[in-house]
C-alpha atoms as a PDB file:
ATOM      1  CA  MET A   1      -8.447  29.291 -10.601  1.00  0.00           C
ATOM      2  CA  ASP A   2      -9.158  27.903 -14.048  1.00  0.00           C
ATOM      3  CA  GLU A   3      -7.550  24.637 -15.139  1.00  0.00           C
ATOM      4  CA  PHE A   4      -4.400  26.115 -16.652  1.00  0.00           C
ATOM      5  CA  ASN A   5      -3.764  28.626 -13.882  1.00  0.00           C
ATOM      6  CA  SER A   6      -4.208  25.811 -11.374  1.00  0.00           C
ATOM      7  CA  ILE A   7      -1.661  23.648 -13.186  1.00  0.00           C
ATOM      8  CA  ALA A   8       0.793  26.519 -13.459  1.00  0.00           C
ATOM      9  CA  ARG A   9       0.586  27.549  -9.805  1.00  0.00           C
ATOM     10  CA  LEU A  10       0.145  24.234  -8.019  1.00  0.00           C
ATOM     11  CA  PHE A  11       1.694  21.551 -10.173  1.00  0.00           C
ATOM     12  CA  GLN A  12       4.411  23.072 -12.346  1.00  0.00           C
ATOM     13  CA  PRO A  13       6.612  23.549  -9.251  1.00  0.00           C
ATOM     14  CA  LEU A  14       6.218  19.817  -8.543  1.00  0.00           C
ATOM     15  CA  ALA A  15       7.642  19.027 -11.983  1.00  0.00           C
ATOM     16  CA  ALA A  16      10.727  21.202 -11.511  1.00  0.00           C
ATOM     17  CA  GLY A  17      13.882  19.243 -12.230  1.00  0.00           C
ATOM     18  CA  ALA A  18      12.000  16.658 -14.275  1.00  0.00           C
ATOM     19  CA  PRO A  19      12.806  17.173 -17.959  1.00  0.00           C
ATOM     20  CA  GLU A  20      10.512  14.237 -18.711  1.00  0.00           C
ATOM     21  CA  ALA A  21       7.537  16.464 -17.815  1.00  0.00           C
ATOM     22  CA  LEU A  22       8.278  19.100 -20.497  1.00  0.00           C
ATOM     23  CA  GLY A  23       7.367  21.811 -18.002  1.00  0.00           C
ATOM     24  CA  LEU A  24       3.764  20.489 -17.946  1.00  0.00           C
ATOM     25  CA  LEU A  25       3.251  22.553 -21.110  1.00  0.00           C
ATOM     26  CA  ASP A  26       2.409  19.576 -23.311  1.00  0.00           C
ATOM     27  CA  ASP A  27      -0.248  16.835 -23.307  1.00  0.00           C
ATOM     28  CA  ALA A  28       2.350  14.132 -22.787  1.00  0.00           C
ATOM     29  CA  ALA A  29       5.619  13.285 -21.080  1.00  0.00           C
ATOM     30  CA  VAL A  30       8.685  11.606 -22.540  1.00  0.00           C
ATOM     31  CA  LEU A  31      10.222   8.851 -20.418  1.00  0.00           C
ATOM     32  CA  PRO A  32      13.696   7.817 -21.533  1.00  0.00           C
ATOM     33  CA  ALA A  33      14.839   4.209 -21.539  1.00  0.00           C
ATOM     34  CA  ARG A  34      17.149   2.992 -18.787  1.00  0.00           C
ATOM     35  CA  PRO A  35      19.422   0.288 -20.212  1.00  0.00           C
ATOM     36  CA  GLY A  36      19.358  -2.917 -18.210  1.00  0.00           C
ATOM     37  CA  TYR A  37      16.128  -2.016 -16.384  1.00  0.00           C
ATOM     38  CA  ASP A  38      12.404  -2.646 -16.788  1.00  0.00           C
ATOM     39  CA  LEU A  39       9.890   0.165 -16.254  1.00  0.00           C
ATOM     40  CA  VAL A  40       7.246  -0.996 -13.757  1.00  0.00           C
ATOM     41  CA  VAL A  41       3.868   0.760 -13.999  1.00  0.00           C
ATOM     42  CA  THR A  42       1.021   0.701 -11.459  1.00  0.00           C
ATOM     43  CA  LYS A  43      -2.167   2.717 -10.930  1.00  0.00           C
ATOM     44  CA  ASP A  44      -4.375   3.277  -7.883  1.00  0.00           C
ATOM     45  CA  ALA A  45      -7.323   5.626  -7.414  1.00  0.00           C
ATOM     46  CA  LEU A  46      -8.748   7.100  -4.209  1.00  0.00           C
ATOM     47  CA  VAL A  47     -12.359   8.264  -3.827  1.00  0.00           C
ATOM     48  CA  GLU A  48     -13.595  10.503  -1.029  1.00  0.00           C
ATOM     49  CA  GLY A  49     -15.803   8.580   1.375  1.00  0.00           C
ATOM     50  CA  VAL A  50     -14.416   5.239   0.183  1.00  0.00           C
ATOM     51  CA  HIS A  51     -10.634   5.400   0.596  1.00  0.00           C
ATOM     52  CA  PHE A  52     -10.374   8.454   2.843  1.00  0.00           C
ATOM     53  CA  LEU A  53     -12.722  10.504   4.995  1.00  0.00           C
ATOM     54  CA  SER A  54     -14.354  13.723   3.827  1.00  0.00           C
ATOM     55  CA  GLY A  55     -12.820  15.680   6.684  1.00  0.00           C
ATOM     56  CA  ASP A  56      -9.274  14.411   6.253  1.00  0.00           C
ATOM     57  CA  PRO A  57      -6.630  17.153   5.829  1.00  0.00           C
ATOM     58  CA  PRO A  58      -5.845  17.796   2.127  1.00  0.00           C
ATOM     59  CA  ASP A  59      -2.094  17.311   2.565  1.00  0.00           C
ATOM     60  CA  LEU A  60      -2.595  13.913   4.204  1.00  0.00           C
ATOM     61  CA  ILE A  61      -4.941  12.832   1.398  1.00  0.00           C
ATOM     62  CA  ALA A  62      -2.204  13.707  -1.111  1.00  0.00           C
ATOM     63  CA  ARG A  63       0.403  11.772   0.833  1.00  0.00           C
ATOM     64  CA  LYS A  64      -1.831   8.710   1.115  1.00  0.00           C
ATOM     65  CA  LEU A  65      -2.462   8.891  -2.640  1.00  0.00           C
ATOM     66  CA  LEU A  66       1.247   8.673  -3.383  1.00  0.00           C
ATOM     67  CA  ARG A  67       1.966   6.104  -0.688  1.00  0.00           C
ATOM     68  CA  VAL A  68      -0.657   3.542  -1.701  1.00  0.00           C
ATOM     69  CA  ASN A  69       0.874   3.598  -5.187  1.00  0.00           C
ATOM     70  CA  LEU A  70       4.403   3.431  -3.784  1.00  0.00           C
ATOM     71  CA  SER A  71       3.293   0.385  -1.798  1.00  0.00           C
ATOM     72  CA  ASP A  72       2.540  -1.402  -5.070  1.00  0.00           C
ATOM     73  CA  LEU A  73       6.052  -0.591  -6.275  1.00  0.00           C
ATOM     74  CA  ALA A  74       7.471  -1.803  -2.968  1.00  0.00           C
ATOM     75  CA  ALA A  75       5.863  -5.214  -3.444  1.00  0.00           C
ATOM     76  CA  LYS A  76       7.411  -5.452  -6.914  1.00  0.00           C
ATOM     77  CA  GLY A  77      10.900  -4.727  -5.598  1.00  0.00           C
ATOM     78  CA  ALA A  78      10.904  -1.516  -7.641  1.00  0.00           C
ATOM     79  CA  GLU A  79      12.757   1.747  -7.199  1.00  0.00           C
ATOM     80  CA  PRO A  80      10.368   4.764  -7.408  1.00  0.00           C
ATOM     81  CA  TYR A  81      10.781   7.038 -10.408  1.00  0.00           C
ATOM     82  CA  GLY A  82       7.791   9.335 -10.970  1.00  0.00           C
ATOM     83  CA  TYR A  83       4.075   9.599 -11.547  1.00  0.00           C
ATOM     84  CA  LEU A  84       1.142  10.971 -13.522  1.00  0.00           C
ATOM     85  CA  LEU A  85      -1.665  12.606 -11.547  1.00  0.00           C
ATOM     86  CA  ALA A  86      -5.373  12.972 -12.352  1.00  0.00           C
ATOM     87  CA  THR A  87      -7.624  15.039 -10.087  1.00  0.00           C
ATOM     88  CA  ALA A  88     -11.407  15.460 -10.262  1.00  0.00           C
ATOM     89  CA  TRP A  89     -12.193  18.442  -8.016  1.00  0.00           C
ATOM     90  CA  PRO A  90     -15.637  19.029  -6.494  1.00  0.00           C
ATOM     91  CA  ALA A  91     -16.742  22.657  -6.096  1.00  0.00           C
ATOM     92  CA  ALA A  92     -15.976  22.610  -2.357  1.00  0.00           C
ATOM     93  CA  TRP A  93     -12.290  22.074  -3.078  1.00  0.00           C
ATOM     94  CA  ASP A  94     -11.281  25.708  -3.361  1.00  0.00           C
ATOM     95  CA  GLU A  95      -7.828  27.197  -3.951  1.00  0.00           C
ATOM     96  CA  GLY A  96      -6.823  26.882  -0.292  1.00  0.00           C
ATOM     97  CA  ARG A  97      -7.571  23.173  -0.080  1.00  0.00           C
ATOM     98  CA  ARG A  98      -5.897  22.478  -3.423  1.00  0.00           C
ATOM     99  CA  THR A  99      -2.818  24.376  -2.268  1.00  0.00           C
ATOM    100  CA  LEU A 100      -2.577  22.207   0.847  1.00  0.00           C
ATOM    101  CA  PHE A 101      -3.014  19.131  -1.334  1.00  0.00           C
ATOM    102  CA  ALA A 102      -0.107  20.208  -3.547  1.00  0.00           C
ATOM    103  CA  ALA A 103       2.009  20.803  -0.431  1.00  0.00           C
ATOM    104  CA  GLY A 104       1.402  17.200   0.630  1.00  0.00           C
ATOM    105  CA  LEU A 105       2.533  15.975  -2.772  1.00  0.00           C
ATOM    106  CA  ALA A 106       5.653  18.116  -2.554  1.00  0.00           C
ATOM    107  CA  ARG A 107       6.549  16.725   0.872  1.00  0.00           C
ATOM    108  CA  ASP A 108       6.378  13.093  -0.213  1.00  0.00           C
ATOM    109  CA  GLN A 109       7.985  13.739  -3.583  1.00  0.00           C
ATOM    110  CA  GLN A 110      11.020  14.932  -1.660  1.00  0.00           C
ATOM    111  CA  GLU A 111      10.899  12.047   0.817  1.00  0.00           C
ATOM    112  CA  PHE A 112      10.671   9.331  -1.832  1.00  0.00           C
ATOM    113  CA  GLY A 113      12.601  10.933  -4.694  1.00  0.00           C
ATOM    114  CA  LEU A 114       9.598  11.216  -7.000  1.00  0.00           C
ATOM    115  CA  LYS A 115       9.008  13.372 -10.075  1.00  0.00           C
ATOM    116  CA  LEU A 116       5.650  14.600 -11.380  1.00  0.00           C
ATOM    117  CA  PHE A 117       5.474  13.934 -15.131  1.00  0.00           C
ATOM    118  CA  GLY A 118       2.001  15.319 -15.915  1.00  0.00           C
ATOM    119  CA  GLY A 119      -1.627  14.259 -15.826  1.00  0.00           C
ATOM    120  CA  ASP A 120      -5.032  15.910 -15.939  1.00  0.00           C
ATOM    121  CA  THR A 121      -7.284  18.051 -13.780  1.00  0.00           C
ATOM    122  CA  VAL A 122     -11.073  18.248 -14.170  1.00  0.00           C
ATOM    123  CA  SER A 123     -14.144  19.224 -12.153  1.00  0.00           C
ATOM    124  CA  THR A 124     -16.819  16.847 -10.908  1.00  0.00           C
ATOM    125  CA  PRO A 125     -20.286  17.087  -9.313  1.00  0.00           C
ATOM    126  CA  GLY A 126     -19.414  13.994  -7.290  1.00  0.00           C
ATOM    127  CA  PRO A 127     -16.893  13.309  -4.530  1.00  0.00           C
ATOM    128  CA  LEU A 128     -13.204  14.149  -4.839  1.00  0.00           C
ATOM    129  CA  THR A 129     -11.607  11.490  -7.018  1.00  0.00           C
ATOM    130  CA  LEU A 130      -7.853  11.116  -7.408  1.00  0.00           C
ATOM    131  CA  CYS A 131      -5.735   8.795  -9.510  1.00  0.00           C
ATOM    132  CA  VAL A 132      -2.007   8.243  -9.820  1.00  0.00           C
ATOM    133  CA  THR A 133      -0.095   6.231 -12.397  1.00  0.00           C
ATOM    134  CA  MET A 134       3.232   5.414 -10.748  1.00  0.00           C
ATOM    135  CA  PHE A 135       6.470   4.389 -12.448  1.00  0.00           C
ATOM    136  CA  GLY A 136       9.426   2.539 -10.990  1.00  0.00           C
ATOM    137  CA  TRP A 137      12.528   0.652 -12.125  1.00  0.00           C
ATOM    138  CA  THR A 138      13.686  -2.900 -11.552  1.00  0.00           C
ATOM    139  CA  PRO A 139      16.699  -4.646 -13.052  1.00  0.00           C
ATOM    140  CA  GLU A 140      15.622  -6.329 -16.262  1.00  0.00           C
ATOM    141  CA  GLY A 141      13.553  -9.437 -15.537  1.00  0.00           C
ATOM    142  CA  ALA A 142      13.765  -8.955 -11.766  1.00  0.00           C
ATOM    143  CA  MET A 143      10.278  -7.646 -10.929  1.00  0.00           C
ATOM    144  CA  VAL A 144       8.702  -9.740  -8.166  1.00  0.00           C
ATOM    145  CA  LYS A 145       5.366 -11.048  -9.451  1.00  0.00           C
ATOM    146  CA  ARG A 146       2.405 -12.526  -7.628  1.00  0.00           C
ATOM    147  CA  SER A 147       2.641 -15.643  -9.743  1.00  0.00           C
ATOM    148  CA  GLY A 148       6.030 -17.080  -8.757  1.00  0.00           C
ATOM    149  CA  ALA A 149       5.252 -18.917  -5.522  1.00  0.00           C
ATOM    150  CA  GLN A 150       5.894 -22.659  -5.219  1.00  0.00           C
ATOM    151  CA  ALA A 151       4.173 -25.243  -3.023  1.00  0.00           C
ATOM    152  CA  GLN A 152       5.735 -25.329   0.462  1.00  0.00           C
ATOM    153  CA  ASP A 153       7.182 -21.826   0.118  1.00  0.00           C
ATOM    154  CA  VAL A 154       6.943 -19.983   3.429  1.00  0.00           C
ATOM    155  CA  VAL A 155       4.670 -16.925   3.675  1.00  0.00           C
ATOM    156  CA  LEU A 156       6.065 -13.844   5.458  1.00  0.00           C
ATOM    157  CA  VAL A 157       4.622 -10.414   6.090  1.00  0.00           C
ATOM    158  CA  SER A 158       6.385  -7.167   6.927  1.00  0.00           C
ATOM    159  CA  GLY A 159       5.709  -4.914   9.903  1.00  0.00           C
ATOM    160  CA  VAL A 160       2.439  -5.332  11.782  1.00  0.00           C
ATOM    161  CA  ILE A 161      -1.090  -6.123  10.640  1.00  0.00           C
ATOM    162  CA  GLY A 162      -4.424  -4.553  11.590  1.00  0.00           C
ATOM    163  CA  GLU A 163      -3.291  -0.933  11.936  1.00  0.00           C
ATOM    164  CA  GLY A 164      -5.360   0.167   8.939  1.00  0.00           C
ATOM    165  CA  HIS A 165      -8.512  -1.496  10.270  1.00  0.00           C
ATOM    166  CA  LEU A 166      -8.056   0.005  13.724  1.00  0.00           C
ATOM    167  CA  GLY A 167      -7.026   3.336  12.216  1.00  0.00           C
ATOM    168  CA  LEU A 168     -10.252   3.700  10.269  1.00  0.00           C
ATOM    169  CA  ALA A 169     -12.215   2.852  13.407  1.00  0.00           C
ATOM    170  CA  ALA A 170     -10.222   5.441  15.365  1.00  0.00           C
ATOM    171  CA  ALA A 171     -10.633   8.122  12.675  1.00  0.00           C
ATOM    172  CA  THR A 172     -14.413   7.614  12.649  1.00  0.00           C
ATOM    173  CA  GLY A 173     -14.797   7.547  16.445  1.00  0.00           C
ATOM    174  CA  ARG A 174     -15.670   3.836  16.640  1.00  0.00           C
ATOM    175  CA  LEU A 175     -12.631   2.574  18.534  1.00  0.00           C
ATOM    176  CA  THR A 176     -12.290   2.110  22.282  1.00  0.00           C
ATOM    177  CA  ALA A 177      -8.639   2.745  23.140  1.00  0.00           C
ATOM    178  CA  ASP A 178      -6.555   5.314  24.971  1.00  0.00           C
ATOM    179  CA  ASP A 179      -5.992   8.676  23.282  1.00  0.00           C
ATOM    180  CA  ALA A 180      -2.375   8.012  22.283  1.00  0.00           C
ATOM    181  CA  ALA A 181      -3.277   4.711  20.622  1.00  0.00           C
ATOM    182  CA  GLN A 182      -6.194   6.310  18.767  1.00  0.00           C
ATOM    183  CA  VAL A 183      -3.955   9.049  17.392  1.00  0.00           C
ATOM    184  CA  ARG A 184      -1.324   6.535  16.299  1.00  0.00           C
ATOM    185  CA  PHE A 185      -3.839   4.187  14.655  1.00  0.00           C
ATOM    186  CA  ALA A 186      -5.548   7.045  12.797  1.00  0.00           C
ATOM    187  CA  GLY A 187      -2.155   8.288  11.642  1.00  0.00           C
ATOM    188  CA  ARG A 188      -1.288   4.882  10.199  1.00  0.00           C
ATOM    189  CA  TYR A 189      -4.600   4.824   8.317  1.00  0.00           C
ATOM    190  CA  ARG A 190      -4.158   8.320   6.881  1.00  0.00           C
ATOM    191  CA  VAL A 191      -0.415   8.136   6.136  1.00  0.00           C
ATOM    192  CA  PRO A 192       0.705   4.530   5.528  1.00  0.00           C
ATOM    193  CA  GLU A 193       4.362   3.593   5.213  1.00  0.00           C
ATOM    194  CA  PRO A 194       5.302   1.934   1.902  1.00  0.00           C
ATOM    195  CA  ARG A 195       7.925  -0.743   2.522  1.00  0.00           C
ATOM    196  CA  LEU A 196      10.328   0.386  -0.172  1.00  0.00           C
ATOM    197  CA  SER A 197      13.365  -0.518   1.924  1.00  0.00           C
ATOM    198  CA  LEU A 198      12.511  -4.207   1.431  1.00  0.00           C
ATOM    199  CA  ARG A 199      13.588  -3.916  -2.204  1.00  0.00           C
ATOM    200  CA  ALA A 200      16.896  -5.781  -1.838  1.00  0.00           C
ATOM    201  CA  CYS A 201      15.337  -8.542   0.281  1.00  0.00           C
ATOM    202  CA  LEU A 202      12.489  -9.125  -2.163  1.00  0.00           C
ATOM    203  CA  ARG A 203      14.711  -9.110  -5.226  1.00  0.00           C
ATOM    204  CA  GLN A 204      17.062 -11.663  -3.703  1.00  0.00           C
ATOM    205  CA  PHE A 205      14.705 -14.017  -1.864  1.00  0.00           C
ATOM    206  CA  ALA A 206      11.006 -13.558  -2.745  1.00  0.00           C
ATOM    207  CA  THR A 207       9.332 -15.913  -5.194  1.00  0.00           C
ATOM    208  CA  ALA A 208       6.100 -13.844  -5.129  1.00  0.00           C
ATOM    209  CA  ALA A 209       4.780 -10.749  -3.337  1.00  0.00           C
ATOM    210  CA  ALA A 210       1.792  -8.429  -2.972  1.00  0.00           C
ATOM    211  CA  ASP A 211       1.108  -5.330  -0.932  1.00  0.00           C
ATOM    212  CA  VAL A 212      -1.482  -5.683   1.835  1.00  0.00           C
ATOM    213  CA  SER A 213      -4.138  -3.238   0.691  1.00  0.00           C
ATOM    214  CA  ASP A 214      -7.269  -5.427   0.746  1.00  0.00           C
ATOM    215  CA  GLY A 215      -6.311  -7.418   3.850  1.00  0.00           C
ATOM    216  CA  LEU A 216      -3.620  -9.962   4.686  1.00  0.00           C
ATOM    217  CA  LEU A 217      -5.885 -12.931   3.969  1.00  0.00           C
ATOM    218  CA  ALA A 218      -7.152 -11.491   0.689  1.00  0.00           C
ATOM    219  CA  ASP A 219      -3.742 -10.458  -0.599  1.00  0.00           C
ATOM    220  CA  ALA A 220      -2.140 -13.762   0.370  1.00  0.00           C
ATOM    221  CA  ALA A 221      -5.006 -15.390  -1.526  1.00  0.00           C
ATOM    222  CA  HIS A 222      -4.159 -13.224  -4.549  1.00  0.00           C
ATOM    223  CA  ILE A 223      -0.648 -14.703  -4.528  1.00  0.00           C
ATOM    224  CA  GLY A 224      -2.156 -18.175  -4.290  1.00  0.00           C
ATOM    225  CA  ALA A 225      -4.535 -17.599  -7.185  1.00  0.00           C
ATOM    226  CA  ALA A 226      -1.849 -16.075  -9.425  1.00  0.00           C
ATOM    227  CA  SER A 227       0.531 -18.937  -8.595  1.00  0.00           C
ATOM    228  CA  GLU A 228      -2.221 -21.586  -8.997  1.00  0.00           C
ATOM    229  CA  LEU A 229      -1.715 -22.665  -5.405  1.00  0.00           C
ATOM    230  CA  GLY A 230      -3.403 -22.422  -2.043  1.00  0.00           C
ATOM    231  CA  VAL A 231      -2.243 -20.650   1.076  1.00  0.00           C
ATOM    232  CA  HIS A 232      -2.357 -21.636   4.752  1.00  0.00           C
ATOM    233  CA  ILE A 233      -2.319 -18.629   7.142  1.00  0.00           C
ATOM    234  CA  ASP A 234      -1.853 -19.017  10.902  1.00  0.00           C
ATOM    235  CA  LEU A 235      -3.932 -16.253  12.477  1.00  0.00           C
ATOM    236  CA  ASP A 236      -2.210 -16.700  15.843  1.00  0.00           C
ATOM    237  CA  ARG A 237       1.168 -15.839  14.242  1.00  0.00           C
ATOM    238  CA  ILE A 238       0.080 -12.543  12.694  1.00  0.00           C
ATOM    239  CA  PRO A 239       2.337  -9.717  13.977  1.00  0.00           C
ATOM    240  CA  LEU A 240       0.510  -7.060  15.989  1.00  0.00           C
ATOM    241  CA  SER A 241       1.692  -3.851  17.618  1.00  0.00           C
ATOM    242  CA  ALA A 242       1.548  -3.532  21.402  1.00  0.00           C
ATOM    243  CA  ASP A 243      -1.455  -1.202  21.060  1.00  0.00           C
ATOM    244  CA  ALA A 244      -3.267  -3.679  18.812  1.00  0.00           C
ATOM    245  CA  ARG A 245      -2.590  -6.534  21.252  1.00  0.00           C
ATOM    246  CA  LEU A 246      -3.969  -4.455  24.105  1.00  0.00           C
ATOM    247  CA  TRP A 247      -7.097  -3.729  22.061  1.00  0.00           C
ATOM    248  CA  LEU A 248      -7.442  -7.416  21.173  1.00  0.00           C
ATOM    249  CA  GLU A 249      -7.252  -8.462  24.830  1.00  0.00           C
ATOM    250  CA  GLY A 250     -10.282  -6.297  25.540  1.00  0.00           C
ATOM    251  CA  GLN A 251     -12.522  -7.912  22.909  1.00  0.00           C
ATOM    252  CA  ASP A 252     -15.324 -10.313  23.844  1.00  0.00           C
ATOM    253  CA  ASP A 253     -14.501 -12.577  20.898  1.00  0.00           C
ATOM    254  CA  PRO A 254     -10.723 -12.404  20.333  1.00  0.00           C
ATOM    255  CA  LEU A 255     -10.788 -14.786  17.357  1.00  0.00           C
ATOM    256  CA  ALA A 256     -13.413 -12.733  15.528  1.00  0.00           C
ATOM    257  CA  ALA A 257     -11.450  -9.567  16.332  1.00  0.00           C
ATOM    258  CA  LEU A 258      -8.193 -11.121  15.110  1.00  0.00           C
ATOM    259  CA  THR A 259      -9.924 -12.197  11.905  1.00  0.00           C
ATOM    260  CA  ALA A 260     -11.099  -8.614  11.415  1.00  0.00           C
ATOM    261  CA  LEU A 261      -7.508  -7.375  11.727  1.00  0.00           C
ATOM    262  CA  ALA A 262      -6.337  -9.960   9.195  1.00  0.00           C
ATOM    263  CA  SER A 263      -9.007  -9.028   6.663  1.00  0.00           C
ATOM    264  CA  GLY A 264      -9.494  -5.300   7.276  1.00  0.00           C
ATOM    265  CA  GLY A 265      -7.013  -3.918   4.741  1.00  0.00           C
ATOM    266  CA  ASP A 266      -5.247  -0.544   4.480  1.00  0.00           C
ATOM    267  CA  ASP A 267      -2.073  -1.877   6.137  1.00  0.00           C
ATOM    268  CA  TYR A 268       0.192  -1.432   3.082  1.00  0.00           C
ATOM    269  CA  GLU A 269       2.653  -3.991   4.361  1.00  0.00           C
ATOM    270  CA  VAL A 270       4.145  -6.588   1.990  1.00  0.00           C
ATOM    271  CA  VAL A 271       3.169 -10.262   2.068  1.00  0.00           C
ATOM    272  CA  PHE A 272       5.656 -12.457   0.234  1.00  0.00           C
ATOM    273  CA  THR A 273       6.805 -16.027  -0.244  1.00  0.00           C
ATOM    274  CA  VAL A 274      10.285 -17.470   0.206  1.00  0.00           C
ATOM    275  CA  PRO A 275      11.658 -20.994  -0.280  1.00  0.00           C
ATOM    276  CA  GLN A 276      11.989 -22.847   3.029  1.00  0.00           C
ATOM    277  CA  GLY A 277      15.772 -22.836   2.933  1.00  0.00           C
ATOM    278  CA  HIS A 278      16.026 -19.056   2.613  1.00  0.00           C
ATOM    279  CA  VAL A 279      13.669 -17.873   5.370  1.00  0.00           C
ATOM    280  CA  SER A 280      16.402 -16.989   7.874  1.00  0.00           C
ATOM    281  CA  ASP A 281      18.458 -15.151   5.253  1.00  0.00           C
ATOM    282  CA  ALA A 282      15.384 -13.217   4.079  1.00  0.00           C
ATOM    283  CA  ALA A 283      14.540 -12.250   7.657  1.00  0.00           C
ATOM    284  CA  LEU A 284      18.088 -11.036   8.258  1.00  0.00           C
ATOM    285  CA  SER A 285      18.041  -9.023   5.029  1.00  0.00           C
ATOM    286  CA  ALA A 286      14.714  -7.439   5.952  1.00  0.00           C
ATOM    287  CA  ALA A 287      15.922  -6.609   9.463  1.00  0.00           C
ATOM    288  CA  ALA A 288      19.019  -4.953   7.984  1.00  0.00           C
ATOM    289  CA  SER A 289      16.682  -2.726   5.960  1.00  0.00           C
ATOM    290  CA  GLY A 290      14.894  -1.676   9.151  1.00  0.00           C
ATOM    291  CA  VAL A 291      11.694  -3.664   8.532  1.00  0.00           C
ATOM    292  CA  PRO A 292      10.959  -6.801  10.568  1.00  0.00           C
ATOM    293  CA  VAL A 293       9.197  -9.704   8.861  1.00  0.00           C
ATOM    294  CA  THR A 294       7.212 -12.551  10.399  1.00  0.00           C
ATOM    295  CA  VAL A 295       6.415 -16.056   9.176  1.00  0.00           C
ATOM    296  CA  VAL A 296       2.613 -16.375   8.992  1.00  0.00           C
ATOM    297  CA  GLY A 297       1.991 -19.444   6.828  1.00  0.00           C
ATOM    298  CA  ARG A 298       2.929 -21.518   3.814  1.00  0.00           C
ATOM    299  CA  MET A 299       1.854 -22.187   0.256  1.00  0.00           C
ATOM    300  CA  THR A 300      -0.027 -25.426  -0.419  1.00  0.00           C
ATOM    301  CA  ALA A 301      -0.981 -27.478  -3.472  1.00  0.00           C
ATOM    302  CA  GLN A 302      -4.678 -27.307  -2.482  1.00  0.00           C
ATOM    303  CA  ALA A 303      -6.297 -24.171  -3.894  1.00  0.00           C
ATOM    304  CA  GLY A 304      -7.859 -21.508  -1.681  1.00  0.00           C
ATOM    305  CA  CYS A 305      -6.898 -19.469   1.369  1.00  0.00           C
ATOM    306  CA  ARG A 306      -7.361 -21.419   4.585  1.00  0.00           C
ATOM    307  CA  PRO A 307      -6.923 -19.546   7.881  1.00  0.00           C
ATOM    308  CA  PHE A 308      -5.961 -21.604  10.933  1.00  0.00           C
ATOM    309  CA  TYR A 309      -6.059 -20.701  14.615  1.00  0.00           C
ATOM    310  CA  HIS A 310      -3.791 -22.677  16.949  1.00  0.00           C
ATOM    311  CA  GLY A 311      -3.630 -25.452  14.379  1.00  0.00           C
ATOM    312  CA  ARG A 312      -7.346 -25.696  13.720  1.00  0.00           C
ATOM    313  CA  PRO A 313      -9.062 -24.529  10.505  1.00  0.00           C
ATOM    314  CA  HIS A 314     -11.152 -21.394  10.896  1.00  0.00           C
ATOM    315  CA  THR A 315     -13.919 -20.337   8.504  1.00  0.00           C
ATOM    316  CA  VAL A 316     -14.150 -16.636   7.709  1.00  0.00           C
ATOM    317  CA  ALA A 317     -17.017 -14.779   6.044  1.00  0.00           C
ATOM    318  CA  ARG A 318     -14.689 -12.702   3.862  1.00  0.00           C
ATOM    319  CA  LEU A 319     -10.978 -12.582   3.224  1.00  0.00           C
ATOM    320  CA  GLY A 320     -10.755  -8.821   2.774  1.00  0.00           C
ATOM    321  CA  TRP A 321     -12.035  -5.662   1.136  1.00  0.00           C
ATOM    322  CA  SER A 322     -13.814  -5.839  -2.217  1.00  0.00           C
ATOM    323  CA  HIS A 323     -15.484  -3.106  -4.307  1.00  0.00           C
ATOM    324  CA  ASP A 324     -18.044  -5.609  -5.639  1.00  0.00           C
END
């Protein structure tokens, strides 16, 4: 398929029902204003061999691509709207693999109410490279920033931590665990769950938030840096799944293993801050949305991210993933 045939067959159906996309027949889209709302824009790219494995199924790669961007919207308290897509196809990505990729996009578009507005498709001699620019809506002035935390705010995190780290290990055959746990961990790595249902909780109670893509410690530190504060994280309070706890119990150095879970990344949970007096209300709101949250620390006036373990400071070599 040449570029235009590929767009017509694979991507025009994904833009059906989206007048903003102009049928993908133009070089641009037109996004109308929504009175009383701000348009929130985010962009994430995925590169084969860096963000997903070369042998991963094409439809799951597509779903992860959308979900890591949706996770950014989730942390902003935004309602998903639509996206622009750029694909750089290597020669090995033939029509069959591209068709499966488009099917994955279609599945998650339907699940999350997304529209494809346009984008670009090119060829590359390098690895498969994918990029999405995602759009969402928040009530005017209500986007949850990283920079709004205050000293003594409580730090909470949604769901469980460490699934991405263990999932990558499972997907690459480096994890010792029973078969069911390996399948579940790998599934969480390949198809994360953006915490969009936390929108009401974050809008009402959060002073700052970030999605946990680089690692809980690193992303909590990002909130601290943006807010010109420090952050105290209690490693022993980090929420873990039953499978992760079982894995942790089998490690020779549980503290080092727990640190790896807290810094491994790819969890796509939301770490956020709440004033002390609103923690219970925020937890109840999150639970009503179907997502549990756990207190894992507090914001401090002293800059930097300081992990603690059973009340004692713990030095870590790195807080999370970095491309540097």
